[in-house]
Amino acid sequence: MQRTSYDVALWLRWPAGLLACSELPRYVEEVEACSHFDAAQRLMQKYGLLRVAHVAVGCHGVVKRWSFLRLVEDVEEV
């Protein structure tokens, strides 16, 4: 499968309010991966995150989002 560059943002906590500082993602990086989900999993694995509150992954104008995502064990090392 061909890898593509994805923009990934991870939040460790669910935002508390409109002006809360937790509104900003804790990790934001460009990741080479095979899919939106794979990109999210790779960034989580890179930082040793077993679960996150919210994820947004974008590529070529398509943005996928997940809440309360867990790291799966079969992701290749970054």
C-alpha atoms as a PDB file:
ATOM      1  CA  MET A   1       0.000   0.000   0.000  1.00  0.00           C
ATOM      2  CA  GLN A   2       1.270   3.462  -0.893  1.00  0.00           C
ATOM      3  CA  ARG A   3       1.966   5.896   1.935  1.00  0.00           C
ATOM      4  CA  THR A   4       0.679   9.450   1.913  1.00  0.00           C
ATOM      5  CA  SER A   5       1.321  12.445   4.139  1.00  0.00           C
ATOM      6  CA  TYR A   6      -1.430  13.126   6.728  1.00  0.00           C
ATOM      7  CA  ASP A   7      -1.870  16.031   9.145  1.00  0.00           C
ATOM      8  CA  VAL A   8      -2.679  14.562  12.572  1.00  0.00           C
ATOM      9  CA  ALA A   9      -3.870  16.318  15.744  1.00  0.00           C
ATOM     10  CA  LEU A  10      -4.317  14.516  19.087  1.00  0.00           C
ATOM     11  CA  TRP A  11      -6.126  15.812  22.170  1.00  0.00           C
ATOM     12  CA  LEU A  12      -5.483  14.089  25.495  1.00  0.00           C
ATOM     13  CA  ARG A  13      -8.591  15.566  27.149  1.00  0.00           C
ATOM     14  CA  TRP A  14     -11.976  16.499  25.808  1.00  0.00           C
ATOM     15  CA  PRO A  15     -12.265  20.318  25.538  1.00  0.00           C
ATOM     16  CA  ALA A  16     -13.963  21.822  28.598  1.00  0.00           C
ATOM     17  CA  GLY A  17     -15.264  25.007  27.036  1.00  0.00           C
ATOM     18  CA  LEU A  18     -14.991  27.401  24.135  1.00  0.00           C
ATOM     19  CA  LEU A  19     -12.031  29.322  25.571  1.00  0.00           C
ATOM     20  CA  ALA A  20     -10.386  26.495  27.519  1.00  0.00           C
ATOM     21  CA  CYS A  21      -6.714  25.897  26.820  1.00  0.00           C
ATOM     22  CA  SER A  22      -7.446  22.215  26.405  1.00  0.00           C
ATOM     23  CA  GLU A  23      -9.080  23.250  23.097  1.00  0.00           C
ATOM     24  CA  LEU A  24      -5.633  23.093  21.494  1.00  0.00           C
ATOM     25  CA  PRO A  25      -4.364  19.658  20.513  1.00  0.00           C
ATOM     26  CA  ARG A  26      -1.428  18.334  22.526  1.00  0.00           C
ATOM     27  CA  TYR A  27       0.305  16.771  19.502  1.00  0.00           C
ATOM     28  CA  VAL A  28       0.177  18.021  15.905  1.00  0.00           C
ATOM     29  CA  GLU A  29       2.406  16.463  13.257  1.00  0.00           C
ATOM     30  CA  GLU A  30       2.612  15.405   9.655  1.00  0.00           C
ATOM     31  CA  VAL A  31       2.710  11.599   9.437  1.00  0.00           C
ATOM     32  CA  GLU A  32       3.428   9.242   6.526  1.00  0.00           C
ATOM     33  CA  ALA A  33       0.832   6.450   6.591  1.00  0.00           C
ATOM     34  CA  CYS A  34      -1.458   4.223   4.504  1.00  0.00           C
ATOM     35  CA  SER A  35      -4.753   5.638   5.800  1.00  0.00           C
ATOM     36  CA  HIS A  36      -6.269   8.248   8.111  1.00  0.00           C
ATOM     37  CA  PHE A  37      -6.627   5.681  10.891  1.00  0.00           C
ATOM     38  CA  ASP A  38      -3.073   4.393  10.400  1.00  0.00           C
ATOM     39  CA  ALA A  39      -1.733   7.969  10.659  1.00  0.00           C
ATOM     40  CA  ALA A  40      -3.532   8.499  13.982  1.00  0.00           C
ATOM     41  CA  GLN A  41      -2.281   5.179  15.333  1.00  0.00           C
ATOM     42  CA  ARG A  42       1.314   5.899  14.251  1.00  0.00           C
ATOM     43  CA  LEU A  43       1.390   9.245  16.067  1.00  0.00           C
ATOM     44  CA  MET A  44      -0.126   7.697  19.184  1.00  0.00           C
ATOM     45  CA  GLN A  45       2.493   4.943  19.079  1.00  0.00           C
ATOM     46  CA  LYS A  46       5.323   7.468  18.570  1.00  0.00           C
ATOM     47  CA  TYR A  47       4.437   9.186  21.860  1.00  0.00           C
ATOM     48  CA  GLY A  48       3.421   6.054  23.766  1.00  0.00           C
ATOM     49  CA  LEU A  49      -0.229   7.091  24.035  1.00  0.00           C
ATOM     50  CA  LEU A  50      -2.560   4.177  24.740  1.00  0.00           C
ATOM     51  CA  ARG A  51      -5.679   6.310  24.310  1.00  0.00           C
ATOM     52  CA  VAL A  52      -6.625   9.872  23.421  1.00  0.00           C
ATOM     53  CA  ALA A  53      -9.807  11.867  23.869  1.00  0.00           C
ATOM     54  CA  HIS A  54     -10.058  13.234  20.336  1.00  0.00           C
ATOM     55  CA  VAL A  55      -8.269  12.826  16.989  1.00  0.00           C
ATOM     56  CA  ALA A  56      -8.455  14.740  13.715  1.00  0.00           C
ATOM     57  CA  VAL A  57      -6.595  13.534  10.617  1.00  0.00           C
ATOM     58  CA  GLY A  58      -6.585  15.381   7.313  1.00  0.00           C
ATOM     59  CA  CYS A  59      -5.324  14.527   3.835  1.00  0.00           C
ATOM     60  CA  HIS A  60      -6.235  16.016   0.423  1.00  0.00           C
ATOM     61  CA  GLY A  61      -9.195  17.920   1.870  1.00  0.00           C
ATOM     62  CA  VAL A  62     -10.699  14.912   3.669  1.00  0.00           C
ATOM     63  CA  VAL A  63     -10.761  15.112   7.467  1.00  0.00           C
ATOM     64  CA  LYS A  64     -11.628  12.114   9.648  1.00  0.00           C
ATOM     65  CA  ARG A  65     -12.318  12.462  13.376  1.00  0.00           C
ATOM     66  CA  TRP A  66     -12.533  10.022  16.279  1.00  0.00           C
ATOM     67  CA  SER A  67     -13.348  10.392  19.952  1.00  0.00           C
ATOM     68  CA  PHE A  68     -11.874   8.215  22.694  1.00  0.00           C
ATOM     69  CA  LEU A  69      -9.523   6.338  20.358  1.00  0.00           C
ATOM     70  CA  ARG A  70      -7.379   3.464  21.679  1.00  0.00           C
ATOM     71  CA  LEU A  71      -4.048   2.304  20.297  1.00  0.00           C
ATOM     72  CA  VAL A  72      -4.234  -1.066  18.568  1.00  0.00           C
ATOM     73  CA  GLU A  73      -1.274  -3.398  18.980  1.00  0.00           C
ATOM     74  CA  ASP A  74      -0.644  -4.391  15.360  1.00  0.00           C
ATOM     75  CA  VAL A  75       0.552  -0.975  14.091  1.00  0.00           C
ATOM     76  CA  GLU A  76       4.048  -0.975  12.566  1.00  0.00           C
ATOM     77  CA  GLU A  77       6.709   1.065  14.336  1.00  0.00           C
ATOM     78  CA  VAL A  78       7.059   4.669  13.154  1.00  0.00           C
END
